Every structure is written in C-alpha cells, then in structure tokens.
C-alpha cells in the first residue's frame, strides 16, 4: 500500500472521530445544562415580566431597584429571586423561581392592606396541562366556561389560549387570560382580595322602642333644660319631676333630650334615669 493511500485513510479516520466528538459534545450541551454551565461557562437564561395595575411602580430584584412597571428582563440567571413591587406605600413582595428558557409573568394589584392585594404569577415548565394554586385555597376554578373543581388542582388541557376564572365566597373574582404552549405545563398561583362588605345583606337589630329617661327628684323640684352641656349653658325651659324625655345622646355628665313639644336641649344626667324598655 502506498504512503498516499495510507495517508488518505488516516485522514478519513481522523475526520470521522472529529465528527463523532462534535456530535457527542452537541448532545451533551443540548441535554445537560449542568455540563454546559460547569465546563463551558454557558449559563441558562430565563426572563420575567412584571405588571401592576398602578403604572410606574418601582421594581426590586433581591433588594435592588431595577426599573418601573411594566418591567421586563429576558436575560436573567435561572434561580430564585426576591421580587418586590412598590408605589406610594402600597406594595407586594414574594420569592419567585424562574424556569430555563421561559418568561415568568407577575401581575399584581397593589394595596396598603394585604387583604386587599390581589394578583397572579404565571410560570411554564416542561409537561402538559394547567396547575392552579390559590390563596385562599378551596377556590372554584372555571376554564373557558367549564368548572373544574377547587384549588389546588391539576387540569389536562390542550395547548392554546384559555380564560381561567378563580372565585371564592367573600372574595373578588379573578379572571386570567393565558396561552398554553405545546409540551409545556402552565402553573398559575393566584391571590384573591377580600370583597367589600355587602351592606344590603347585613342584618341589624330592629329598634322597637325609643329610649327615654325619667326626671328624678331635684333640690329645686324641677330640672333645667339648657342649650349646651354645661352649667354655663342658657336655660331653655324647665321640666317637672316624673316627666319622661326622649334620650337623643349620652355625654359625660349630660344627656341630650327632646321634650314632648319637640324642644331639644341638655339636662344633667345626675337627675335622670333611663326607663327600662
């Protein structure tokens, strides 16, 4: 065999081994993020999009202010972040773990009272369907008009756009529109805010009798009714021992009363007593 032929064979073998090594290295990088990060210095990236119903709220990542809402950063390391949103005394703060090569969405309604704060965090990971978590738990889940039980729950759904509605008695309903990509699971974590008291359903005690006071014995045989709750007040009229007066207001040492003729004034509480209903 000539030297030229042997040389060509060796070159072919060398090229074949190079191709095998390149293919192996590609597979390692493609399927092992730990190898890529440890040996090649290639770090996995992820992103976050932060929204608030109050625009221009300050956004903090790990205690450092990074911008205002709406805020987005698609070049973040894959790890857990301490995220805070704040404006004019209203704020929200929580820990959020980002997923490689996906965008985590945080949407918050800020409030000074934590019970009035609401919002959701949308995260994607490999898998399928939708997982819904809520505070409070045992909230009702409705997707595209169909009920799916109570939270926490895992739901099998086809990819595409869906409308998710979370509700709970005494809490404001939350509606979320989200897109579920192929081969991904959407995780939705929802906080509901307490609703305002429905005054139309509040029951109150029915007043069946107007409170009254009875005039007691006095050193003078009568009781002065004054224009203000003070002995310096001007005398409007006088009432007799045993008279009944309508009690309008109880003050310190004085009662505001109404007489039978409609006159209103103040009498010393030392000389009257409440009539038992």
C-alpha atoms as a PDB file:
ATOM      1  CA  UNK A   1       0.000   0.000   0.000  1.00  0.00           C
ATOM      2  CA  UNK A   2       1.374   3.384  -0.989  1.00  0.00           C
ATOM      3  CA  UNK A   3       2.069   6.141   1.514  1.00  0.00           C
ATOM      4  CA  UNK A   4      -0.527   8.300  -0.200  1.00  0.00           C
ATOM      5  CA  UNK A   5      -3.298   5.740   0.295  1.00  0.00           C
ATOM      6  CA  UNK A   6      -2.395   5.221   3.970  1.00  0.00           C
ATOM      7  CA  UNK A   7      -2.385   8.980   4.487  1.00  0.00           C
ATOM      8  CA  UNK A   8      -5.884   9.317   2.985  1.00  0.00           C
ATOM      9  CA  UNK A   9      -7.219   6.505   5.194  1.00  0.00           C
ATOM     10  CA  UNK A  10      -5.791   8.134   8.310  1.00  0.00           C
ATOM     11  CA  UNK A  11      -7.322  11.476   7.342  1.00  0.00           C
ATOM     12  CA  UNK A  12     -10.725   9.857   6.888  1.00  0.00           C
ATOM     13  CA  UNK A  13     -10.486   8.194  10.304  1.00  0.00           C
ATOM     14  CA  UNK A  14      -9.420  11.447  11.902  1.00  0.00           C
ATOM     15  CA  UNK A  15     -12.309  13.356  10.321  1.00  0.00           C
ATOM     16  CA  UNK A  16     -14.742  10.638  11.411  1.00  0.00           C
ATOM     17  CA  UNK A  17     -13.558  10.859  15.027  1.00  0.00           C
ATOM     18  CA  UNK A  18     -13.812  14.649  14.933  1.00  0.00           C
ATOM     19  CA  UNK A  19     -17.404  14.397  13.690  1.00  0.00           C
ATOM     20  CA  UNK A  20     -18.242  11.884  16.429  1.00  0.00           C
ATOM     21  CA  UNK A  21     -16.729  14.131  19.092  1.00  0.00           C
ATOM     22  CA  UNK A  22     -18.587  17.185  17.789  1.00  0.00           C
ATOM     23  CA  UNK A  23     -21.889  15.276  17.743  1.00  0.00           C
ATOM     24  CA  UNK A  24     -21.318  13.952  21.268  1.00  0.00           C
ATOM     25  CA  UNK A  25     -20.414  17.404  22.543  1.00  0.00           C
ATOM     26  CA  UNK A  26     -23.520  18.880  20.926  1.00  0.00           C
ATOM     27  CA  UNK A  27     -25.764  16.290  22.589  1.00  0.00           C
ATOM     28  CA  UNK A  28     -24.137  16.925  25.966  1.00  0.00           C
ATOM     29  CA  UNK A  29     -24.648  20.675  25.643  1.00  0.00           C
ATOM     30  CA  UNK A  30     -28.189  20.212  24.346  1.00  0.00           C
ATOM     31  CA  UNK A  31     -29.386  17.911  27.110  1.00  0.00           C
ATOM     32  CA  UNK A  32     -27.158  18.749  30.058  1.00  0.00           C
ATOM     33  CA  UNK A  33     -27.358  22.348  31.239  1.00  0.00           C
ATOM     34  CA  UNK A  34     -25.178  21.478  34.259  1.00  0.00           C
ATOM     35  CA  UNK A  35     -22.351  20.317  31.981  1.00  0.00           C
ATOM     36  CA  UNK A  36     -22.665  23.413  29.815  1.00  0.00           C
ATOM     37  CA  UNK A  37     -22.521  25.700  32.823  1.00  0.00           C
ATOM     38  CA  UNK A  38     -19.768  23.876  34.715  1.00  0.00           C
ATOM     39  CA  UNK A  39     -17.327  23.092  31.919  1.00  0.00           C
ATOM     40  CA  UNK A  40     -18.126  25.548  29.152  1.00  0.00           C
ATOM     41  CA  UNK A  41     -19.312  28.566  31.153  1.00  0.00           C
ATOM     42  CA  UNK A  42     -22.639  28.649  29.304  1.00  0.00           C
ATOM     43  CA  UNK A  43     -25.330  29.740  31.781  1.00  0.00           C
ATOM     44  CA  UNK A  44     -29.019  29.028  31.275  1.00  0.00           C
ATOM     45  CA  UNK A  45     -31.158  32.147  30.895  1.00  0.00           C
ATOM     46  CA  UNK A  46     -34.764  32.974  31.707  1.00  0.00           C
ATOM     47  CA  UNK A  47     -36.984  36.028  31.836  1.00  0.00           C
ATOM     48  CA  UNK A  48     -39.554  37.853  33.934  1.00  0.00           C
ATOM     49  CA  UNK A  49     -42.342  40.269  33.038  1.00  0.00           C
ATOM     50  CA  UNK A  50     -43.776  42.329  35.919  1.00  0.00           C
ATOM     51  CA  UNK A  51     -47.036  44.256  35.648  1.00  0.00           C
ATOM     52  CA  UNK A  52     -49.118  46.257  38.142  1.00  0.00           C
ATOM     53  CA  UNK A  53     -52.497  47.956  37.920  1.00  0.00           C
ATOM     54  CA  UNK A  54     -50.690  51.103  39.101  1.00  0.00           C
ATOM     55  CA  UNK A  55     -48.182  52.056  36.418  1.00  0.00           C
ATOM     56  CA  UNK A  56     -44.704  53.286  37.242  1.00  0.00           C
ATOM     57  CA  UNK A  57     -44.454  51.182  40.422  1.00  0.00           C
ATOM     58  CA  UNK A  58     -40.850  50.533  41.479  1.00  0.00           C
ATOM     59  CA  UNK A  59     -39.491  47.011  40.852  1.00  0.00           C
ATOM     60  CA  UNK A  60     -36.826  45.477  43.100  1.00  0.00           C
ATOM     61  CA  UNK A  61     -34.859  42.271  42.430  1.00  0.00           C
ATOM     62  CA  UNK A  62     -33.052  40.949  45.515  1.00  0.00           C
ATOM     63  CA  UNK A  63     -33.363  44.366  47.169  1.00  0.00           C
ATOM     64  CA  UNK A  64     -32.012  46.349  44.195  1.00  0.00           C
ATOM     65  CA  UNK A  65     -34.267  48.689  42.242  1.00  0.00           C
ATOM     66  CA  UNK A  66     -34.140  47.693  38.563  1.00  0.00           C
ATOM     67  CA  UNK A  67     -36.931  49.707  36.947  1.00  0.00           C
ATOM     68  CA  UNK A  68     -40.614  50.589  36.857  1.00  0.00           C
ATOM     69  CA  UNK A  69     -43.716  48.663  35.834  1.00  0.00           C
ATOM     70  CA  UNK A  70     -44.328  47.461  33.213  1.00  0.00           C
ATOM     71  CA  UNK A  71     -40.892  45.819  33.570  1.00  0.00           C
ATOM     72  CA  UNK A  72     -39.344  43.004  31.525  1.00  0.00           C
ATOM     73  CA  UNK A  73     -35.945  41.306  31.540  1.00  0.00           C
ATOM     74  CA  UNK A  74     -35.247  38.218  29.399  1.00  0.00           C
ATOM     75  CA  UNK A  75     -31.577  37.863  30.342  1.00  0.00           C
ATOM     76  CA  UNK A  76     -31.729  36.618  33.933  1.00  0.00           C
ATOM     77  CA  UNK A  77     -29.955  33.651  35.505  1.00  0.00           C
ATOM     78  CA  UNK A  78     -32.121  30.658  36.325  1.00  0.00           C
ATOM     79  CA  UNK A  79     -32.598  30.847  40.098  1.00  0.00           C
ATOM     80  CA  UNK A  80     -34.938  32.122  42.806  1.00  0.00           C
ATOM     81  CA  UNK A  81     -35.389  35.889  43.128  1.00  0.00           C
ATOM     82  CA  UNK A  82     -36.828  38.051  45.894  1.00  0.00           C
ATOM     83  CA  UNK A  83     -39.158  40.380  43.975  1.00  0.00           C
ATOM     84  CA  UNK A  84     -40.834  43.493  45.348  1.00  0.00           C
ATOM     85  CA  UNK A  85     -43.224  45.964  43.691  1.00  0.00           C
ATOM     86  CA  UNK A  86     -43.955  49.234  45.474  1.00  0.00           C
ATOM     87  CA  UNK A  87     -45.595  52.603  44.974  1.00  0.00           C
ATOM     88  CA  UNK A  88     -46.840  55.228  47.441  1.00  0.00           C
ATOM     89  CA  UNK A  89     -46.970  52.874  50.418  1.00  0.00           C
ATOM     90  CA  UNK A  90     -48.755  50.068  48.556  1.00  0.00           C
ATOM     91  CA  UNK A  91     -46.566  47.029  47.864  1.00  0.00           C
ATOM     92  CA  UNK A  92     -46.238  43.313  47.183  1.00  0.00           C
ATOM     93  CA  UNK A  93     -43.230  41.084  47.846  1.00  0.00           C
ATOM     94  CA  UNK A  94     -42.563  37.422  47.170  1.00  0.00           C
ATOM     95  CA  UNK A  95     -39.991  34.840  46.129  1.00  0.00           C
ATOM     96  CA  UNK A  96     -40.200  33.605  42.529  1.00  0.00           C
ATOM     97  CA  UNK A  97     -38.141  30.799  40.969  1.00  0.00           C
ATOM     98  CA  UNK A  98     -37.523  31.268  37.252  1.00  0.00           C
ATOM     99  CA  UNK A  99     -37.632  28.388  34.744  1.00  0.00           C
ATOM    100  CA  UNK A 100     -34.991  27.992  31.991  1.00  0.00           C
ATOM    101  CA  UNK A 101     -35.827  29.496  28.586  1.00  0.00           C
ATOM    102  CA  UNK A 102     -39.274  30.696  29.667  1.00  0.00           C
ATOM    103  CA  UNK A 103     -40.851  34.009  30.659  1.00  0.00           C
ATOM    104  CA  UNK A 104     -42.453  34.175  34.119  1.00  0.00           C
ATOM    105  CA  UNK A 105     -45.293  36.713  34.331  1.00  0.00           C
ATOM    106  CA  UNK A 106     -46.155  38.540  37.574  1.00  0.00           C
ATOM    107  CA  UNK A 107     -49.290  40.690  37.627  1.00  0.00           C
ATOM    108  CA  UNK A 108     -50.275  42.480  40.863  1.00  0.00           C
ATOM    109  CA  UNK A 109     -52.931  44.844  42.161  1.00  0.00           C
ATOM    110  CA  UNK A 110     -51.069  46.793  44.843  1.00  0.00           C
ATOM    111  CA  UNK A 111     -52.719  47.797  48.119  1.00  0.00           C
ATOM    112  CA  UNK A 112     -51.632  49.102  51.512  1.00  0.00           C
ATOM    113  CA  UNK A 113     -53.826  46.488  53.206  1.00  0.00           C
ATOM    114  CA  UNK A 114     -52.587  42.928  52.410  1.00  0.00           C
ATOM    115  CA  UNK A 115     -56.191  41.631  52.452  1.00  0.00           C
ATOM    116  CA  UNK A 116     -56.967  43.942  49.516  1.00  0.00           C
ATOM    117  CA  UNK A 117     -53.922  42.872  47.478  1.00  0.00           C
ATOM    118  CA  UNK A 118     -54.547  40.529  44.560  1.00  0.00           C
ATOM    119  CA  UNK A 119     -52.639  39.134  41.602  1.00  0.00           C
ATOM    120  CA  UNK A 120     -51.171  36.100  39.903  1.00  0.00           C
ATOM    121  CA  UNK A 121     -47.876  34.507  38.894  1.00  0.00           C
ATOM    122  CA  UNK A 122     -47.748  32.504  35.639  1.00  0.00           C
ATOM    123  CA  UNK A 123     -44.887  30.034  35.186  1.00  0.00           C
ATOM    124  CA  UNK A 124     -44.118  27.458  32.464  1.00  0.00           C
ATOM    125  CA  UNK A 125     -42.299  24.164  32.838  1.00  0.00           C
ATOM    126  CA  UNK A 126     -41.961  21.026  30.717  1.00  0.00           C
ATOM    127  CA  UNK A 127     -45.126  18.956  30.795  1.00  0.00           C
ATOM    128  CA  UNK A 128     -48.770  19.438  29.878  1.00  0.00           C
ATOM    129  CA  UNK A 129     -51.971  20.968  31.186  1.00  0.00           C
ATOM    130  CA  UNK A 130     -52.543  23.617  33.854  1.00  0.00           C
ATOM    131  CA  UNK A 131     -51.945  23.623  37.611  1.00  0.00           C
ATOM    132  CA  UNK A 132     -53.899  26.199  39.633  1.00  0.00           C
ATOM    133  CA  UNK A 133     -52.957  27.213  43.191  1.00  0.00           C
ATOM    134  CA  UNK A 134     -54.751  29.926  45.126  1.00  0.00           C
ATOM    135  CA  UNK A 135     -54.939  31.870  48.350  1.00  0.00           C
ATOM    136  CA  UNK A 136     -57.400  31.189  49.843  1.00  0.00           C
ATOM    137  CA  UNK A 137     -57.398  27.512  48.922  1.00  0.00           C
ATOM    138  CA  UNK A 138     -60.600  25.690  48.019  1.00  0.00           C
ATOM    139  CA  UNK A 139     -61.377  28.385  45.457  1.00  0.00           C
ATOM    140  CA  UNK A 140     -63.575  27.478  42.479  1.00  0.00           C
ATOM    141  CA  UNK A 141     -61.850  27.069  39.093  1.00  0.00           C
ATOM    142  CA  UNK A 142     -63.561  27.755  35.779  1.00  0.00           C
ATOM    143  CA  UNK A 143     -61.766  27.463  32.433  1.00  0.00           C
ATOM    144  CA  UNK A 144     -63.380  28.551  29.165  1.00  0.00           C
ATOM    145  CA  UNK A 145     -66.779  28.471  30.862  1.00  0.00           C
ATOM    146  CA  UNK A 146     -66.410  24.947  32.285  1.00  0.00           C
ATOM    147  CA  UNK A 147     -65.980  24.229  36.016  1.00  0.00           C
ATOM    148  CA  UNK A 148     -63.004  22.129  37.144  1.00  0.00           C
ATOM    149  CA  UNK A 149     -63.444  21.795  40.910  1.00  0.00           C
ATOM    150  CA  UNK A 150     -61.481  23.604  43.581  1.00  0.00           C
ATOM    151  CA  UNK A 151     -57.871  24.639  44.119  1.00  0.00           C
ATOM    152  CA  UNK A 152     -55.264  23.260  44.280  1.00  0.00           C
ATOM    153  CA  UNK A 153     -55.918  21.289  41.095  1.00  0.00           C
ATOM    154  CA  UNK A 154     -54.167  19.821  38.027  1.00  0.00           C
ATOM    155  CA  UNK A 155     -56.139  20.025  34.798  1.00  0.00           C
ATOM    156  CA  UNK A 156     -55.442  18.358  31.443  1.00  0.00           C
ATOM    157  CA  UNK A 157     -55.936  20.879  28.652  1.00  0.00           C
ATOM    158  CA  UNK A 158     -54.972  21.216  25.024  1.00  0.00           C
ATOM    159  CA  UNK A 159     -52.449  23.884  24.076  1.00  0.00           C
ATOM    160  CA  UNK A 160     -53.756  27.274  23.034  1.00  0.00           C
ATOM    161  CA  UNK A 161     -55.355  30.335  24.612  1.00  0.00           C
ATOM    162  CA  UNK A 162     -57.601  29.865  27.663  1.00  0.00           C
ATOM    163  CA  UNK A 163     -59.571  32.042  30.074  1.00  0.00           C
ATOM    164  CA  UNK A 164     -59.221  30.970  33.704  1.00  0.00           C
ATOM    165  CA  UNK A 165     -61.600  32.357  36.353  1.00  0.00           C
ATOM    166  CA  UNK A 166     -60.877  31.862  40.077  1.00  0.00           C
ATOM    167  CA  UNK A 167     -63.587  32.670  42.635  1.00  0.00           C
ATOM    168  CA  UNK A 168     -64.328  32.233  46.333  1.00  0.00           C
ATOM    169  CA  UNK A 169     -67.138  33.452  48.583  1.00  0.00           C
ATOM    170  CA  UNK A 170     -66.373  36.829  50.222  1.00  0.00           C
ATOM    171  CA  UNK A 171     -63.502  37.396  47.745  1.00  0.00           C
ATOM    172  CA  UNK A 172     -63.325  39.291  44.464  1.00  0.00           C
ATOM    173  CA  UNK A 173     -63.329  37.078  41.379  1.00  0.00           C
ATOM    174  CA  UNK A 174     -60.096  36.930  39.317  1.00  0.00           C
ATOM    175  CA  UNK A 175     -60.070  36.362  35.537  1.00  0.00           C
ATOM    176  CA  UNK A 176     -56.836  35.428  33.745  1.00  0.00           C
ATOM    177  CA  UNK A 177     -56.246  35.018  30.002  1.00  0.00           C
ATOM    178  CA  UNK A 178     -53.191  32.860  29.217  1.00  0.00           C
ATOM    179  CA  UNK A 179     -51.620  30.915  26.353  1.00  0.00           C
ATOM    180  CA  UNK A 180     -50.565  27.282  26.918  1.00  0.00           C
ATOM    181  CA  UNK A 181     -47.704  26.297  24.537  1.00  0.00           C
ATOM    182  CA  UNK A 182     -47.191  22.768  23.230  1.00  0.00           C
ATOM    183  CA  UNK A 183     -45.247  20.433  25.542  1.00  0.00           C
ATOM    184  CA  UNK A 184     -45.477  22.827  28.491  1.00  0.00           C
ATOM    185  CA  UNK A 185     -47.412  22.939  31.752  1.00  0.00           C
ATOM    186  CA  UNK A 186     -48.757  26.295  32.908  1.00  0.00           C
ATOM    187  CA  UNK A 187     -48.622  26.893  36.667  1.00  0.00           C
ATOM    188  CA  UNK A 188     -50.902  29.676  37.920  1.00  0.00           C
ATOM    189  CA  UNK A 189     -50.589  30.942  41.509  1.00  0.00           C
ATOM    190  CA  UNK A 190     -53.422  33.338  42.368  1.00  0.00           C
ATOM    191  CA  UNK A 191     -54.065  35.640  45.348  1.00  0.00           C
ATOM    192  CA  UNK A 192     -57.656  36.824  45.770  1.00  0.00           C
ATOM    193  CA  UNK A 193     -58.581  40.005  47.637  1.00  0.00           C
ATOM    194  CA  UNK A 194     -61.379  40.296  50.162  1.00  0.00           C
ATOM    195  CA  UNK A 195     -64.539  41.917  48.809  1.00  0.00           C
ATOM    196  CA  UNK A 196     -66.149  44.917  50.469  1.00  0.00           C
ATOM    197  CA  UNK A 197     -68.996  44.165  52.884  1.00  0.00           C
ATOM    198  CA  UNK A 198     -72.330  43.879  51.118  1.00  0.00           C
ATOM    199  CA  UNK A 199     -74.408  46.232  53.233  1.00  0.00           C
ATOM    200  CA  UNK A 200     -77.618  45.070  51.559  1.00  0.00           C
ATOM    201  CA  UNK A 201     -77.229  41.666  53.210  1.00  0.00           C
ATOM    202  CA  UNK A 202     -76.190  42.982  56.631  1.00  0.00           C
ATOM    203  CA  UNK A 203     -78.847  42.399  59.270  1.00  0.00           C
ATOM    204  CA  UNK A 204     -79.270  44.913  62.072  1.00  0.00           C
ATOM    205  CA  UNK A 205     -81.295  44.806  65.247  1.00  0.00           C
ATOM    206  CA  UNK A 206     -84.745  46.306  64.824  1.00  0.00           C
ATOM    207  CA  UNK A 207     -85.402  49.181  67.221  1.00  0.00           C
ATOM    208  CA  UNK A 208     -88.828  48.604  68.698  1.00  0.00           C
ATOM    209  CA  UNK A 209     -88.834  51.404  71.295  1.00  0.00           C
ATOM    210  CA  UNK A 210     -87.313  54.886  71.506  1.00  0.00           C
ATOM    211  CA  UNK A 211     -85.018  55.192  74.559  1.00  0.00           C
ATOM    212  CA  UNK A 212     -86.370  57.540  77.245  1.00  0.00           C
ATOM    213  CA  UNK A 213     -85.252  58.976  80.567  1.00  0.00           C
ATOM    214  CA  UNK A 214     -87.346  59.904  83.620  1.00  0.00           C
ATOM    215  CA  UNK A 215     -86.758  63.066  85.650  1.00  0.00           C
ATOM    216  CA  UNK A 216     -85.817  62.325  89.281  1.00  0.00           C
ATOM    217  CA  UNK A 217     -86.273  64.442  92.399  1.00  0.00           C
ATOM    218  CA  UNK A 218     -84.174  67.594  92.448  1.00  0.00           C
ATOM    219  CA  UNK A 219     -83.369  70.104  95.219  1.00  0.00           C
ATOM    220  CA  UNK A 220     -85.437  72.721  93.371  1.00  0.00           C
ATOM    221  CA  UNK A 221     -88.378  70.472  92.490  1.00  0.00           C
ATOM    222  CA  UNK A 222     -87.742  70.916  88.744  1.00  0.00           C
ATOM    223  CA  UNK A 223     -84.936  70.318  86.232  1.00  0.00           C
ATOM    224  CA  UNK A 224     -83.418  72.951  83.957  1.00  0.00           C
ATOM    225  CA  UNK A 225     -83.011  72.199  80.236  1.00  0.00           C
ATOM    226  CA  UNK A 226     -80.003  74.100  78.846  1.00  0.00           C
ATOM    227  CA  UNK A 227     -78.783  74.962  75.325  1.00  0.00           C
ATOM    228  CA  UNK A 228     -75.366  73.349  75.887  1.00  0.00           C
ATOM    229  CA  UNK A 229     -73.926  70.576  78.042  1.00  0.00           C
ATOM    230  CA  UNK A 230     -72.677  72.882  80.784  1.00  0.00           C
ATOM    231  CA  UNK A 231     -73.983  74.712  83.852  1.00  0.00           C
ATOM    232  CA  UNK A 232     -72.966  77.841  81.976  1.00  0.00           C
ATOM    233  CA  UNK A 233     -75.468  76.981  79.266  1.00  0.00           C
ATOM    234  CA  UNK A 234     -78.554  79.136  78.840  1.00  0.00           C
ATOM    235  CA  UNK A 235     -81.774  77.793  80.396  1.00  0.00           C
ATOM    236  CA  UNK A 236     -84.251  76.957  77.622  1.00  0.00           C
ATOM    237  CA  UNK A 237     -87.063  75.612  79.750  1.00  0.00           C
ATOM    238  CA  UNK A 238     -87.829  73.512  82.799  1.00  0.00           C
ATOM    239  CA  UNK A 239     -89.266  70.026  83.230  1.00  0.00           C
ATOM    240  CA  UNK A 240     -91.020  68.545  86.249  1.00  0.00           C
ATOM    241  CA  UNK A 241     -90.136  65.537  88.425  1.00  0.00           C
ATOM    242  CA  UNK A 242     -91.514  62.354  86.861  1.00  0.00           C
ATOM    243  CA  UNK A 243     -91.606  63.751  83.291  1.00  0.00           C
ATOM    244  CA  UNK A 244     -90.439  61.438  80.511  1.00  0.00           C
ATOM    245  CA  UNK A 245     -87.931  62.768  77.952  1.00  0.00           C
ATOM    246  CA  UNK A 246     -86.677  61.193  74.722  1.00  0.00           C
ATOM    247  CA  UNK A 247     -82.968  60.386  75.005  1.00  0.00           C
ATOM    248  CA  UNK A 248     -81.021  61.514  71.918  1.00  0.00           C
ATOM    249  CA  UNK A 249     -77.392  61.322  73.088  1.00  0.00           C
ATOM    250  CA  UNK A 250     -75.416  60.411  76.210  1.00  0.00           C
ATOM    251  CA  UNK A 251     -72.464  62.652  77.078  1.00  0.00           C
ATOM    252  CA  UNK A 252     -70.138  62.896  80.051  1.00  0.00           C
ATOM    253  CA  UNK A 253     -72.400  64.161  82.895  1.00  0.00           C
ATOM    254  CA  UNK A 254     -75.115  65.285  80.476  1.00  0.00           C
ATOM    255  CA  UNK A 255     -77.876  63.866  78.258  1.00  0.00           C
ATOM    256  CA  UNK A 256     -79.240  65.458  75.126  1.00  0.00           C
ATOM    257  CA  UNK A 257     -83.028  65.104  75.211  1.00  0.00           C
ATOM    258  CA  UNK A 258     -86.186  66.020  73.323  1.00  0.00           C
ATOM    259  CA  UNK A 259     -89.329  67.194  75.096  1.00  0.00           C
ATOM    260  CA  UNK A 260     -92.880  66.308  74.131  1.00  0.00           C
ATOM    261  CA  UNK A 261     -93.283  69.651  72.314  1.00  0.00           C
ATOM    262  CA  UNK A 262     -90.164  68.953  70.185  1.00  0.00           C
ATOM    263  CA  UNK A 263     -87.787  71.184  72.149  1.00  0.00           C
ATOM    264  CA  UNK A 264     -84.246  69.793  72.340  1.00  0.00           C
ATOM    265  CA  UNK A 265     -81.615  70.580  74.963  1.00  0.00           C
ATOM    266  CA  UNK A 266     -79.308  69.220  77.653  1.00  0.00           C
ATOM    267  CA  UNK A 267     -80.093  68.006  81.174  1.00  0.00           C
ATOM    268  CA  UNK A 268     -77.811  66.839  83.978  1.00  0.00           C
ATOM    269  CA  UNK A 269     -77.537  63.030  83.913  1.00  0.00           C
ATOM    270  CA  UNK A 270     -77.426  63.079  87.735  1.00  0.00           C
ATOM    271  CA  UNK A 271     -81.154  63.858  87.843  1.00  0.00           C
ATOM    272  CA  UNK A 272     -82.485  61.489  85.216  1.00  0.00           C
ATOM    273  CA  UNK A 273     -82.548  57.715  84.816  1.00  0.00           C
ATOM    274  CA  UNK A 274     -83.117  55.517  81.809  1.00  0.00           C
ATOM    275  CA  UNK A 275     -86.545  53.964  81.619  1.00  0.00           C
ATOM    276  CA  UNK A 276     -86.475  50.179  81.271  1.00  0.00           C
ATOM    277  CA  UNK A 277     -87.972  49.094  77.906  1.00  0.00           C
END
